[in-house]
C-alpha atoms as a PDB file:
ATOM      1  CA  UNK A   1       9.741  -7.188   9.097  1.00  0.00           C
ATOM      2  CA  UNK A   2       6.721  -7.264  11.331  1.00  0.00           C
ATOM      3  CA  UNK A   3       4.642  -5.308   8.935  1.00  0.00           C
ATOM      4  CA  UNK A   4       5.607  -7.630   6.008  1.00  0.00           C
ATOM      5  CA  UNK A   5       4.426 -10.572   8.159  1.00  0.00           C
ATOM      6  CA  UNK A   6       1.260  -8.769   9.001  1.00  0.00           C
ATOM      7  CA  UNK A   7       0.683  -8.118   5.238  1.00  0.00           C
ATOM      8  CA  UNK A   8       1.255 -11.611   4.094  1.00  0.00           C
ATOM      9  CA  UNK A   9      -0.326 -13.726   7.000  1.00  0.00           C
ATOM     10  CA  UNK A  10      -3.126 -11.392   8.048  1.00  0.00           C
ATOM     11  CA  UNK A  11      -4.304  -8.666   5.793  1.00  0.00           C
ATOM     12  CA  UNK A  12      -4.134 -10.453   2.277  1.00  0.00           C
ATOM     13  CA  UNK A  13      -5.649 -13.818   3.361  1.00  0.00           C
ATOM     14  CA  UNK A  14      -8.426 -11.870   5.244  1.00  0.00           C
ATOM     15  CA  UNK A  15      -9.114  -9.990   2.134  1.00  0.00           C
ATOM     16  CA  UNK A  16      -9.253 -13.054  -0.070  1.00  0.00           C
ATOM     17  CA  UNK A  17     -11.471 -14.919   2.507  1.00  0.00           C
ATOM     18  CA  UNK A  18     -13.897 -12.032   2.752  1.00  0.00           C
ATOM     19  CA  UNK A  19     -14.106 -11.857  -1.019  1.00  0.00           C
ATOM     20  CA  UNK A  20     -14.781 -15.615  -1.138  1.00  0.00           C
ATOM     21  CA  UNK A  21     -17.804 -15.207   1.267  1.00  0.00           C
ATOM     22  CA  UNK A  22     -19.016 -12.318  -0.726  1.00  0.00           C
ATOM     23  CA  UNK A  23     -19.047 -13.956  -4.116  1.00  0.00           C
ATOM     24  CA  UNK A  24     -20.882 -16.943  -2.511  1.00  0.00           C
ATOM     25  CA  UNK A  25     -23.551 -14.727  -0.656  1.00  0.00           C
ATOM     26  CA  UNK A  26     -26.589 -13.406  -2.466  1.00  0.00           C
ATOM     27  CA  UNK A  27     -27.036 -10.444   0.008  1.00  0.00           C
ATOM     28  CA  UNK A  28     -23.995  -8.347   1.000  1.00  0.00           C
ATOM     29  CA  UNK A  29     -24.238  -5.608   3.743  1.00  0.00           C
ATOM     30  CA  UNK A  30     -22.390  -2.449   3.755  1.00  0.00           C
ATOM     31  CA  UNK A  31     -20.185  -3.593   6.854  1.00  0.00           C
ATOM     32  CA  UNK A  32     -18.748  -6.465   4.852  1.00  0.00           C
ATOM     33  CA  UNK A  33     -17.857  -3.914   1.913  1.00  0.00           C
ATOM     34  CA  UNK A  34     -16.473  -1.493   4.470  1.00  0.00           C
ATOM     35  CA  UNK A  35     -14.348  -4.404   5.896  1.00  0.00           C
ATOM     36  CA  UNK A  36     -12.981  -5.509   2.683  1.00  0.00           C
ATOM     37  CA  UNK A  37     -12.197  -2.065   1.405  1.00  0.00           C
ATOM     38  CA  UNK A  38     -10.408  -1.270   4.855  1.00  0.00           C
ATOM     39  CA  UNK A  39      -8.394  -4.335   4.402  1.00  0.00           C
ATOM     40  CA  UNK A  40      -7.190  -3.146   0.911  1.00  0.00           C
ATOM     41  CA  UNK A  41      -6.255   0.196   2.234  1.00  0.00           C
ATOM     42  CA  UNK A  42      -4.478  -1.253   5.289  1.00  0.00           C
ATOM     43  CA  UNK A  43      -2.475  -3.557   2.835  1.00  0.00           C
ATOM     44  CA  UNK A  44      -1.820  -0.513   0.545  1.00  0.00           C
ATOM     45  CA  UNK A  45      -0.569   1.564   3.387  1.00  0.00           C
ATOM     46  CA  UNK A  46       1.819  -1.110   4.762  1.00  0.00           C
ATOM     47  CA  UNK A  47       3.116  -1.509   1.204  1.00  0.00           C
ATOM     48  CA  UNK A  48       3.572   2.237   0.784  1.00  0.00           C
ATOM     49  CA  UNK A  49       5.334   2.722   4.097  1.00  0.00           C
ATOM     50  CA  UNK A  50       7.642  -0.084   3.417  1.00  0.00           C
ATOM     51  CA  UNK A  51       8.453   1.146   0.176  1.00  0.00           C
ATOM     52  CA  UNK A  52       9.286   4.705   1.430  1.00  0.00           C
ATOM     53  CA  UNK A  53      11.460   3.300   4.119  1.00  0.00           C
ATOM     54  CA  UNK A  54      13.508   1.124   1.730  1.00  0.00           C
ATOM     55  CA  UNK A  55      13.799   3.979  -0.677  1.00  0.00           C
ATOM     56  CA  UNK A  56      14.982   6.250   2.269  1.00  0.00           C
ATOM     57  CA  UNK A  57      17.548   3.704   3.287  1.00  0.00           C
ATOM     58  CA  UNK A  58      19.009   3.608  -0.152  1.00  0.00           C
ATOM     59  CA  UNK A  59      19.337   7.373  -0.707  1.00  0.00           C
ATOM     60  CA  UNK A  60      22.627   9.341  -0.671  1.00  0.00           C
ATOM     61  CA  UNK A  61      23.827  12.664  -1.275  1.00  0.00           C
ATOM     62  CA  UNK A  62      24.121  13.363  -5.126  1.00  0.00           C
ATOM     63  CA  UNK A  63      23.332  16.052  -7.622  1.00  0.00           C
ATOM     64  CA  UNK A  64      19.631  15.671  -7.200  1.00  0.00           C
ATOM     65  CA  UNK A  65      19.817  16.210  -3.487  1.00  0.00           C
ATOM     66  CA  UNK A  66      20.172  14.285  -0.237  1.00  0.00           C
ATOM     67  CA  UNK A  67      17.033  12.219  -0.889  1.00  0.00           C
ATOM     68  CA  UNK A  68      18.016  10.956  -4.278  1.00  0.00           C
ATOM     69  CA  UNK A  69      19.579   7.761  -5.716  1.00  0.00           C
ATOM     70  CA  UNK A  70      20.115   7.052  -9.282  1.00  0.00           C
ATOM     71  CA  UNK A  71      18.616   3.520  -9.101  1.00  0.00           C
ATOM     72  CA  UNK A  72      15.950   3.797  -6.629  1.00  0.00           C
ATOM     73  CA  UNK A  73      14.309   7.203  -7.599  1.00  0.00           C
ATOM     74  CA  UNK A  74      13.920  10.373  -5.342  1.00  0.00           C
ATOM     75  CA  UNK A  75      12.097  11.570  -2.453  1.00  0.00           C
ATOM     76  CA  UNK A  76      11.349  15.250  -2.593  1.00  0.00           C
ATOM     77  CA  UNK A  77      12.613  17.603   0.311  1.00  0.00           C
ATOM     78  CA  UNK A  78       9.266  19.679   0.398  1.00  0.00           C
ATOM     79  CA  UNK A  79       6.932  18.236   3.007  1.00  0.00           C
ATOM     80  CA  UNK A  80       3.946  18.833   0.660  1.00  0.00           C
ATOM     81  CA  UNK A  81       5.732  16.852  -2.188  1.00  0.00           C
ATOM     82  CA  UNK A  82       6.438  14.073   0.299  1.00  0.00           C
ATOM     83  CA  UNK A  83       2.854  13.820   1.272  1.00  0.00           C
ATOM     84  CA  UNK A  84       1.829  13.868  -2.508  1.00  0.00           C
ATOM     85  CA  UNK A  85       4.293  11.298  -3.230  1.00  0.00           C
ATOM     86  CA  UNK A  86       3.005   8.925  -0.307  1.00  0.00           C
ATOM     87  CA  UNK A  87      -0.665   9.488  -1.307  1.00  0.00           C
ATOM     88  CA  UNK A  88       0.286   8.531  -4.991  1.00  0.00           C
ATOM     89  CA  UNK A  89       2.008   5.399  -3.822  1.00  0.00           C
ATOM     90  CA  UNK A  90      -0.922   4.499  -1.601  1.00  0.00           C
ATOM     91  CA  UNK A  91      -3.366   5.044  -4.442  1.00  0.00           C
ATOM     92  CA  UNK A  92      -1.228   3.082  -6.786  1.00  0.00           C
ATOM     93  CA  UNK A  93      -0.907   0.106  -4.356  1.00  0.00           C
ATOM     94  CA  UNK A  94      -4.443   0.321  -3.330  1.00  0.00           C
ATOM     95  CA  UNK A  95      -5.642   0.157  -7.126  1.00  0.00           C
ATOM     96  CA  UNK A  96      -3.243  -2.626  -7.703  1.00  0.00           C
ATOM     97  CA  UNK A  97      -4.619  -4.673  -4.878  1.00  0.00           C
ATOM     98  CA  UNK A  98      -8.184  -4.004  -5.639  1.00  0.00           C
ATOM     99  CA  UNK A  99      -7.658  -5.084  -9.288  1.00  0.00           C
ATOM    100  CA  UNK A 100      -5.764  -8.122  -8.217  1.00  0.00           C
ATOM    101  CA  UNK A 101      -8.504  -9.123  -5.853  1.00  0.00           C
ATOM    102  CA  UNK A 102     -11.189  -8.500  -8.396  1.00  0.00           C
ATOM    103  CA  UNK A 103     -13.065  -5.400  -6.801  1.00  0.00           C
END
């Protein structure tokens, strides 16, 4: 719950405010660009982690394995596949946020 609050009340407003300043400034430094990208990456990580936690809490033992649920999807058993899934979600959420913010 704290992470969602951080996402809603800190990370996303900070990103929007930074973009507002960038759009109204003629000269943009690399520090500002790095700050905006790190804010988007932070939001994407929080969203990915919360999504994985929610899916794990909804999983039950079924035909597809202990990490599967008919309605929620599935989390693989293999550690490499878990990392791949988490990286894919991170990139998806990061791209979604970057597109929504107009980056």
